[in-house]
Amino acid sequence: MAELFLGKVLVKNNRDQDELDTDQELCQRLENRVLLLYFANSESQRCREFSPLLKDFFVKLTDEFYVNRASQIALVYVSRDRSEEDHEDFLKDMPKRWLLVPFEDEEFRRELETQFSVSDVPALVVLKPSGQVISPNAVEEVERLGPPCFKNWQEVSEIIERSFLLPEFCDDRASRSFTDPIRRLKYKIENDKKKKREGRDDDDDDGGGGGGGGGTGFF
């Protein structure tokens, strides 16, 4: 299913919003997993009702407090929010293991909506590792059944049971390069959103002096 995102950038829902900026990283996070595409708008009352349920659903399948080993499932959030501020406020309460289509990549977000015929939200598209659709919208199924949904999806997904996997996402593979932190930093600097955020921080630190350059982001 990683093929859907090859050549694109996905973002981790962590504090720094690190980017999966290589196809290899995308494959490591998405291969051999049931993939959920979650389309939502934080202003929608229906989305506000369903999102906490989906959060609980995902956590109970991936958090070692509930399971011995994280289930082979991945979720990519596709925002339909009107503003980046709404988008970020929503994500603060969502699992850190979620991945995101960058808010600024509106073209790709709209492509995904069209490809999977998303006309209303919330929409939870469930995909096999092959990319075949299991469910065009599993919102009601998750509400009705909860985590047992995953077992049903797993059975039809032809997922290879990989008991040797760690609960995390195989991020310790030898193929990862020691230059990854440098490459990630390059992408952070080039990310417009993070530039604006760093600019605001600089204004606060300098008393609004604004100083040029952007060379202050390294502490």
C-alpha atoms as a PDB file:
ATOM      1  CA  MET A   1       0.000   0.000   0.000  1.00  0.00           C
ATOM      2  CA  ALA A   2       3.013   2.231   0.250  1.00  0.00           C
ATOM      3  CA  GLU A   3       2.743   2.682  -3.518  1.00  0.00           C
ATOM      4  CA  LEU A   4      -0.141   5.085  -2.933  1.00  0.00           C
ATOM      5  CA  PHE A   5       2.274   7.525  -1.300  1.00  0.00           C
ATOM      6  CA  LEU A   6       5.457   6.980  -3.283  1.00  0.00           C
ATOM      7  CA  GLY A   7       6.902  10.313  -4.313  1.00  0.00           C
ATOM      8  CA  LYS A   8       4.834  12.029  -1.610  1.00  0.00           C
ATOM      9  CA  VAL A   9       5.645  13.161   1.899  1.00  0.00           C
ATOM     10  CA  LEU A  10       3.803  11.924   4.971  1.00  0.00           C
ATOM     11  CA  VAL A  11       4.224  13.502   8.387  1.00  0.00           C
ATOM     12  CA  LYS A  12       4.409  11.852  11.788  1.00  0.00           C
ATOM     13  CA  ASN A  13       2.027  13.153  14.420  1.00  0.00           C
ATOM     14  CA  ASN A  14       4.815  13.865  16.892  1.00  0.00           C
ATOM     15  CA  ARG A  15       5.977  17.111  18.435  1.00  0.00           C
ATOM     16  CA  ASP A  16       8.368  17.935  15.622  1.00  0.00           C
ATOM     17  CA  GLN A  17       6.096  16.559  12.894  1.00  0.00           C
ATOM     18  CA  ASP A  18       9.004  14.687  11.335  1.00  0.00           C
ATOM     19  CA  GLU A  19       8.539  13.814   7.700  1.00  0.00           C
ATOM     20  CA  LEU A  20       8.837  10.400   6.121  1.00  0.00           C
ATOM     21  CA  ASP A  21      10.860  11.867   3.313  1.00  0.00           C
ATOM     22  CA  THR A  22      12.038   8.752   1.488  1.00  0.00           C
ATOM     23  CA  ASP A  23      10.159   5.934  -0.222  1.00  0.00           C
ATOM     24  CA  GLN A  24      12.070   3.467   1.937  1.00  0.00           C
ATOM     25  CA  GLU A  25      10.710   5.028   5.109  1.00  0.00           C
ATOM     26  CA  LEU A  26       7.186   4.945   3.701  1.00  0.00           C
ATOM     27  CA  CYS A  27       7.516   1.249   2.946  1.00  0.00           C
ATOM     28  CA  GLN A  28       8.810   0.523   6.429  1.00  0.00           C
ATOM     29  CA  ARG A  29       5.785   2.196   7.994  1.00  0.00           C
ATOM     30  CA  LEU A  30       3.061   0.993   5.629  1.00  0.00           C
ATOM     31  CA  GLU A  31       4.026  -2.357   4.114  1.00  0.00           C
ATOM     32  CA  ASN A  32       2.189  -5.525   5.165  1.00  0.00           C
ATOM     33  CA  ARG A  33      -0.422  -3.638   7.165  1.00  0.00           C
ATOM     34  CA  VAL A  34      -4.095  -2.846   7.027  1.00  0.00           C
ATOM     35  CA  LEU A  35      -4.186   0.822   6.095  1.00  0.00           C
ATOM     36  CA  LEU A  36      -6.836   3.238   7.312  1.00  0.00           C
ATOM     37  CA  LEU A  37      -7.366   6.548   5.557  1.00  0.00           C
ATOM     38  CA  TYR A  38      -9.248   8.877   7.877  1.00  0.00           C
ATOM     39  CA  PHE A  39     -10.924  11.895   6.292  1.00  0.00           C
ATOM     40  CA  ALA A  40     -12.299  14.371   8.807  1.00  0.00           C
ATOM     41  CA  ASN A  41     -13.072  17.995   9.544  1.00  0.00           C
ATOM     42  CA  SER A  42     -12.639  19.180  13.123  1.00  0.00           C
ATOM     43  CA  GLU A  43     -15.569  21.585  12.737  1.00  0.00           C
ATOM     44  CA  SER A  44     -17.962  18.738  11.988  1.00  0.00           C
ATOM     45  CA  GLN A  45     -20.007  17.606  14.973  1.00  0.00           C
ATOM     46  CA  ARG A  46     -20.101  14.077  13.575  1.00  0.00           C
ATOM     47  CA  CYS A  47     -16.294  14.051  13.296  1.00  0.00           C
ATOM     48  CA  ARG A  48     -15.923  15.372  16.834  1.00  0.00           C
ATOM     49  CA  GLU A  49     -18.066  12.494  18.055  1.00  0.00           C
ATOM     50  CA  PHE A  50     -16.295   9.790  16.080  1.00  0.00           C
ATOM     51  CA  SER A  51     -12.652  10.872  16.389  1.00  0.00           C
ATOM     52  CA  PRO A  52     -12.287   9.969  20.109  1.00  0.00           C
ATOM     53  CA  LEU A  53     -13.737   6.536  19.331  1.00  0.00           C
ATOM     54  CA  LEU A  54     -11.250   6.065  16.514  1.00  0.00           C
ATOM     55  CA  LYS A  55      -8.423   7.207  18.783  1.00  0.00           C
ATOM     56  CA  ASP A  56      -9.429   4.633  21.402  1.00  0.00           C
ATOM     57  CA  PHE A  57      -9.804   1.981  18.684  1.00  0.00           C
ATOM     58  CA  PHE A  58      -6.307   2.646  17.348  1.00  0.00           C
ATOM     59  CA  VAL A  59      -4.617   2.888  20.742  1.00  0.00           C
ATOM     60  CA  LYS A  60      -6.068  -0.423  21.900  1.00  0.00           C
ATOM     61  CA  LEU A  61      -4.599  -2.090  18.825  1.00  0.00           C
ATOM     62  CA  THR A  62      -1.158  -0.487  18.945  1.00  0.00           C
ATOM     63  CA  ASP A  63      -0.303   0.518  22.512  1.00  0.00           C
ATOM     64  CA  GLU A  64       1.685  -2.054  24.488  1.00  0.00           C
ATOM     65  CA  PHE A  65      -0.429  -1.249  27.529  1.00  0.00           C
ATOM     66  CA  TYR A  66      -3.242  -3.139  25.782  1.00  0.00           C
ATOM     67  CA  VAL A  67      -1.402  -5.563  23.498  1.00  0.00           C
ATOM     68  CA  ASN A  68       1.869  -7.479  23.665  1.00  0.00           C
ATOM     69  CA  ARG A  69       2.764  -6.407  20.154  1.00  0.00           C
ATOM     70  CA  ALA A  70       1.339  -3.611  18.047  1.00  0.00           C
ATOM     71  CA  SER A  71      -1.150  -4.821  15.457  1.00  0.00           C
ATOM     72  CA  GLN A  72      -0.205  -4.577  11.800  1.00  0.00           C
ATOM     73  CA  ILE A  73      -2.269  -1.501  11.166  1.00  0.00           C
ATOM     74  CA  ALA A  74      -1.439   2.031  10.033  1.00  0.00           C
ATOM     75  CA  LEU A  75      -3.545   5.165   9.835  1.00  0.00           C
ATOM     76  CA  VAL A  76      -3.077   8.178   7.576  1.00  0.00           C
ATOM     77  CA  TYR A  77      -5.091  11.269   8.443  1.00  0.00           C
ATOM     78  CA  VAL A  78      -6.365  13.376   5.559  1.00  0.00           C
ATOM     79  CA  SER A  79      -7.604  16.722   6.815  1.00  0.00           C
ATOM     80  CA  ARG A  80     -10.582  18.592   5.419  1.00  0.00           C
ATOM     81  CA  ASP A  81     -10.137  21.477   7.834  1.00  0.00           C
ATOM     82  CA  ARG A  82     -10.358  25.015   6.544  1.00  0.00           C
ATOM     83  CA  SER A  83      -7.300  26.272   8.394  1.00  0.00           C
ATOM     84  CA  GLU A  84      -3.967  24.867   9.461  1.00  0.00           C
ATOM     85  CA  GLU A  85      -4.666  26.046  12.999  1.00  0.00           C
ATOM     86  CA  ASP A  86      -7.794  23.881  13.200  1.00  0.00           C
ATOM     87  CA  HIS A  87      -5.840  21.011  11.700  1.00  0.00           C
ATOM     88  CA  GLU A  88      -3.090  21.215  14.309  1.00  0.00           C
ATOM     89  CA  ASP A  89      -5.462  21.716  17.238  1.00  0.00           C
ATOM     90  CA  PHE A  90      -7.289  18.542  16.270  1.00  0.00           C
ATOM     91  CA  LEU A  91      -4.097  16.493  16.052  1.00  0.00           C
ATOM     92  CA  LYS A  92      -2.874  17.460  19.519  1.00  0.00           C
ATOM     93  CA  ASP A  93      -5.204  14.895  21.064  1.00  0.00           C
ATOM     94  CA  MET A  94      -4.675  12.160  18.477  1.00  0.00           C
ATOM     95  CA  PRO A  95      -2.214   9.215  18.684  1.00  0.00           C
ATOM     96  CA  LYS A  96       1.414   9.947  17.927  1.00  0.00           C
ATOM     97  CA  ARG A  97       1.581   6.899  15.683  1.00  0.00           C
ATOM     98  CA  TRP A  98      -0.827   8.413  13.203  1.00  0.00           C
ATOM     99  CA  LEU A  99       0.638   9.638   9.947  1.00  0.00           C
ATOM    100  CA  LEU A 100      -0.630  12.720   8.120  1.00  0.00           C
ATOM    101  CA  VAL A 101      -0.845  14.096   4.651  1.00  0.00           C
ATOM    102  CA  PRO A 102       0.703  17.572   5.130  1.00  0.00           C
ATOM    103  CA  PHE A 103      -1.975  20.225   5.369  1.00  0.00           C
ATOM    104  CA  GLU A 104      -0.217  22.349   2.767  1.00  0.00           C
ATOM    105  CA  ASP A 105      -0.402  19.517   0.224  1.00  0.00           C
ATOM    106  CA  GLU A 106      -3.998  20.329  -0.654  1.00  0.00           C
ATOM    107  CA  GLU A 107      -3.678  18.916  -4.158  1.00  0.00           C
ATOM    108  CA  PHE A 108      -2.813  15.433  -2.903  1.00  0.00           C
ATOM    109  CA  ARG A 109      -5.507  15.556  -0.228  1.00  0.00           C
ATOM    110  CA  ARG A 110      -8.086  16.312  -2.901  1.00  0.00           C
ATOM    111  CA  GLU A 111      -6.688  13.541  -5.098  1.00  0.00           C
ATOM    112  CA  LEU A 112      -7.233  11.039  -2.310  1.00  0.00           C
ATOM    113  CA  GLU A 113     -10.780  12.270  -1.751  1.00  0.00           C
ATOM    114  CA  THR A 114     -11.538  11.761  -5.433  1.00  0.00           C
ATOM    115  CA  GLN A 115      -9.794   8.409  -5.689  1.00  0.00           C
ATOM    116  CA  PHE A 116     -11.775   6.960  -2.783  1.00  0.00           C
ATOM    117  CA  SER A 117     -15.039   8.772  -3.540  1.00  0.00           C
ATOM    118  CA  VAL A 118     -15.143  10.673  -0.260  1.00  0.00           C
ATOM    119  CA  SER A 119     -18.056  13.084  -0.340  1.00  0.00           C
ATOM    120  CA  ASP A 120     -18.838  13.406   3.360  1.00  0.00           C
ATOM    121  CA  VAL A 121     -16.987  13.123   6.660  1.00  0.00           C
ATOM    122  CA  PRO A 122     -16.094  11.335   8.753  1.00  0.00           C
ATOM    123  CA  ALA A 123     -14.928   8.705   6.293  1.00  0.00           C
ATOM    124  CA  LEU A 124     -12.663   5.785   7.202  1.00  0.00           C
ATOM    125  CA  VAL A 125     -11.411   3.926   4.151  1.00  0.00           C
ATOM    126  CA  VAL A 126      -9.920   0.494   4.920  1.00  0.00           C
ATOM    127  CA  LEU A 127      -7.369  -0.915   2.485  1.00  0.00           C
ATOM    128  CA  LYS A 128      -5.525  -4.192   2.087  1.00  0.00           C
ATOM    129  CA  PRO A 129      -1.735  -4.070   1.729  1.00  0.00           C
ATOM    130  CA  SER A 130      -2.366  -4.641  -1.981  1.00  0.00           C
ATOM    131  CA  GLY A 131      -4.388  -1.416  -2.135  1.00  0.00           C
ATOM    132  CA  GLN A 132      -7.722  -3.167  -2.615  1.00  0.00           C
ATOM    133  CA  VAL A 133     -10.560  -1.556  -0.687  1.00  0.00           C
ATOM    134  CA  ILE A 134     -11.956  -3.623   2.179  1.00  0.00           C
ATOM    135  CA  SER A 135     -14.455  -0.975   3.213  1.00  0.00           C
ATOM    136  CA  PRO A 136     -15.146   2.403   1.594  1.00  0.00           C
ATOM    137  CA  ASN A 137     -16.268   3.749   4.971  1.00  0.00           C
ATOM    138  CA  ALA A 138     -15.903   1.742   8.170  1.00  0.00           C
ATOM    139  CA  VAL A 139     -17.117   4.442  10.555  1.00  0.00           C
ATOM    140  CA  GLU A 140     -20.275   2.575  11.556  1.00  0.00           C
ATOM    141  CA  GLU A 141     -18.377  -0.713  11.804  1.00  0.00           C
ATOM    142  CA  VAL A 142     -15.851   0.777  14.226  1.00  0.00           C
ATOM    143  CA  GLU A 143     -18.641   2.350  16.258  1.00  0.00           C
ATOM    144  CA  ARG A 144     -20.544  -0.917  16.424  1.00  0.00           C
ATOM    145  CA  LEU A 145     -17.763  -3.475  16.935  1.00  0.00           C
ATOM    146  CA  GLY A 146     -14.687  -1.630  18.151  1.00  0.00           C
ATOM    147  CA  PRO A 147     -11.226  -3.264  17.974  1.00  0.00           C
ATOM    148  CA  PRO A 148     -12.560  -6.686  16.840  1.00  0.00           C
ATOM    149  CA  CYS A 149     -13.012  -5.006  13.443  1.00  0.00           C
ATOM    150  CA  PHE A 150      -9.316  -5.396  12.898  1.00  0.00           C
ATOM    151  CA  LYS A 151      -9.435  -9.178  13.127  1.00  0.00           C
ATOM    152  CA  ASN A 152     -12.079  -9.216  10.407  1.00  0.00           C
ATOM    153  CA  TRP A 153      -9.980  -6.947   8.191  1.00  0.00           C
ATOM    154  CA  GLN A 154      -6.827  -8.930   8.902  1.00  0.00           C
ATOM    155  CA  GLU A 155      -8.436 -12.169   7.814  1.00  0.00           C
ATOM    156  CA  VAL A 156      -9.289 -10.812   4.371  1.00  0.00           C
ATOM    157  CA  SER A 157      -6.114  -8.778   3.929  1.00  0.00           C
ATOM    158  CA  GLU A 158      -3.607 -11.577   3.322  1.00  0.00           C
ATOM    159  CA  ILE A 159      -1.272 -10.017   5.841  1.00  0.00           C
ATOM    160  CA  ILE A 160       1.827 -12.045   6.599  1.00  0.00           C
ATOM    161  CA  GLU A 161       2.001 -12.716  10.327  1.00  0.00           C
ATOM    162  CA  ARG A 162       5.406 -11.412  11.354  1.00  0.00           C
ATOM    163  CA  SER A 163       5.871 -12.394  14.971  1.00  0.00           C
ATOM    164  CA  PHE A 164       9.474 -11.289  14.918  1.00  0.00           C
ATOM    165  CA  LEU A 165       8.482  -7.635  14.536  1.00  0.00           C
ATOM    166  CA  LEU A 166       8.983  -5.325  17.478  1.00  0.00           C
ATOM    167  CA  PRO A 167       5.958  -3.430  18.788  1.00  0.00           C
ATOM    168  CA  GLU A 168       7.306  -0.357  17.045  1.00  0.00           C
ATOM    169  CA  PHE A 169       7.482   0.007  13.294  1.00  0.00           C
ATOM    170  CA  CYS A 170      10.825  -1.591  12.383  1.00  0.00           C
ATOM    171  CA  ASP A 171      12.586   1.756  12.629  1.00  0.00           C
ATOM    172  CA  ASP A 172      15.741  -0.035  13.778  1.00  0.00           C
ATOM    173  CA  ARG A 173      16.472  -1.658  10.430  1.00  0.00           C
ATOM    174  CA  ALA A 174      20.134  -1.657   9.459  1.00  0.00           C
ATOM    175  CA  SER A 175      19.248   0.079   6.206  1.00  0.00           C
ATOM    176  CA  ARG A 176      18.565   3.323   8.045  1.00  0.00           C
ATOM    177  CA  SER A 177      21.383   5.796   7.574  1.00  0.00           C
ATOM    178  CA  PHE A 178      23.172   7.786  10.251  1.00  0.00           C
ATOM    179  CA  THR A 179      22.550  10.814   8.038  1.00  0.00           C
ATOM    180  CA  ASP A 180      18.775  10.586   8.621  1.00  0.00           C
ATOM    181  CA  PRO A 181      18.751  13.307  11.336  1.00  0.00           C
ATOM    182  CA  ILE A 182      20.571  15.683   8.973  1.00  0.00           C
ATOM    183  CA  ARG A 183      18.173  14.929   6.142  1.00  0.00           C
ATOM    184  CA  ARG A 184      15.164  15.384   8.431  1.00  0.00           C
ATOM    185  CA  LEU A 185      16.531  18.729   9.601  1.00  0.00           C
ATOM    186  CA  LYS A 186      16.872  19.864   5.995  1.00  0.00           C
ATOM    187  CA  TYR A 187      13.250  19.066   5.356  1.00  0.00           C
ATOM    188  CA  LYS A 188      12.133  20.841   8.526  1.00  0.00           C
ATOM    189  CA  ILE A 189      13.939  24.001   7.485  1.00  0.00           C
ATOM    190  CA  GLU A 190      12.358  23.850   4.042  1.00  0.00           C
ATOM    191  CA  ASN A 191       8.884  23.328   5.463  1.00  0.00           C
ATOM    192  CA  ASP A 192       6.998  26.617   5.258  1.00  0.00           C
ATOM    193  CA  LYS A 193       4.804  25.844   8.206  1.00  0.00           C
ATOM    194  CA  LYS A 194       7.699  25.226  10.529  1.00  0.00           C
ATOM    195  CA  LYS A 195       9.450  28.342   9.291  1.00  0.00           C
ATOM    196  CA  LYS A 196       6.452  30.413  10.327  1.00  0.00           C
ATOM    197  CA  ARG A 197       6.368  28.707  13.704  1.00  0.00           C
ATOM    198  CA  GLU A 198      10.077  29.316  14.270  1.00  0.00           C
ATOM    199  CA  GLY A 199       9.568  32.935  13.246  1.00  0.00           C
ATOM    200  CA  ARG A 200       6.933  33.371  15.921  1.00  0.00           C
ATOM    201  CA  ASP A 201       9.255  31.832  18.509  1.00  0.00           C
ATOM    202  CA  ASP A 202      12.048  34.173  17.439  1.00  0.00           C
ATOM    203  CA  ASP A 203       9.782  37.185  17.869  1.00  0.00           C
ATOM    204  CA  ASP A 204       8.946  36.082  21.402  1.00  0.00           C
ATOM    205  CA  ASP A 205      12.595  35.509  22.321  1.00  0.00           C
ATOM    206  CA  ASP A 206      13.847  38.741  20.784  1.00  0.00           C
ATOM    207  CA  GLY A 207      11.043  40.950  21.978  1.00  0.00           C
ATOM    208  CA  GLY A 208       9.651  41.281  18.455  1.00  0.00           C
ATOM    209  CA  GLY A 209      13.000  42.222  16.898  1.00  0.00           C
ATOM    210  CA  GLY A 210      12.497  39.741  14.031  1.00  0.00           C
ATOM    211  CA  GLY A 211      16.183  39.467  13.166  1.00  0.00           C
ATOM    212  CA  GLY A 212      16.705  38.031   9.651  1.00  0.00           C
ATOM    213  CA  GLY A 213      17.852  34.843   8.543  1.00  0.00           C
ATOM    214  CA  GLY A 214      16.245  31.854  10.203  1.00  0.00           C
ATOM    215  CA  GLY A 215      19.567  30.657  11.584  1.00  0.00           C
ATOM    216  CA  THR A 216      18.184  30.612  15.125  1.00  0.00           C
ATOM    217  CA  GLY A 217      16.312  27.331  14.893  1.00  0.00           C
ATOM    218  CA  PHE A 218      19.221  25.259  16.277  1.00  0.00           C
ATOM    219  CA  PHE A 219      19.187  24.981  20.046  1.00  0.00           C
END
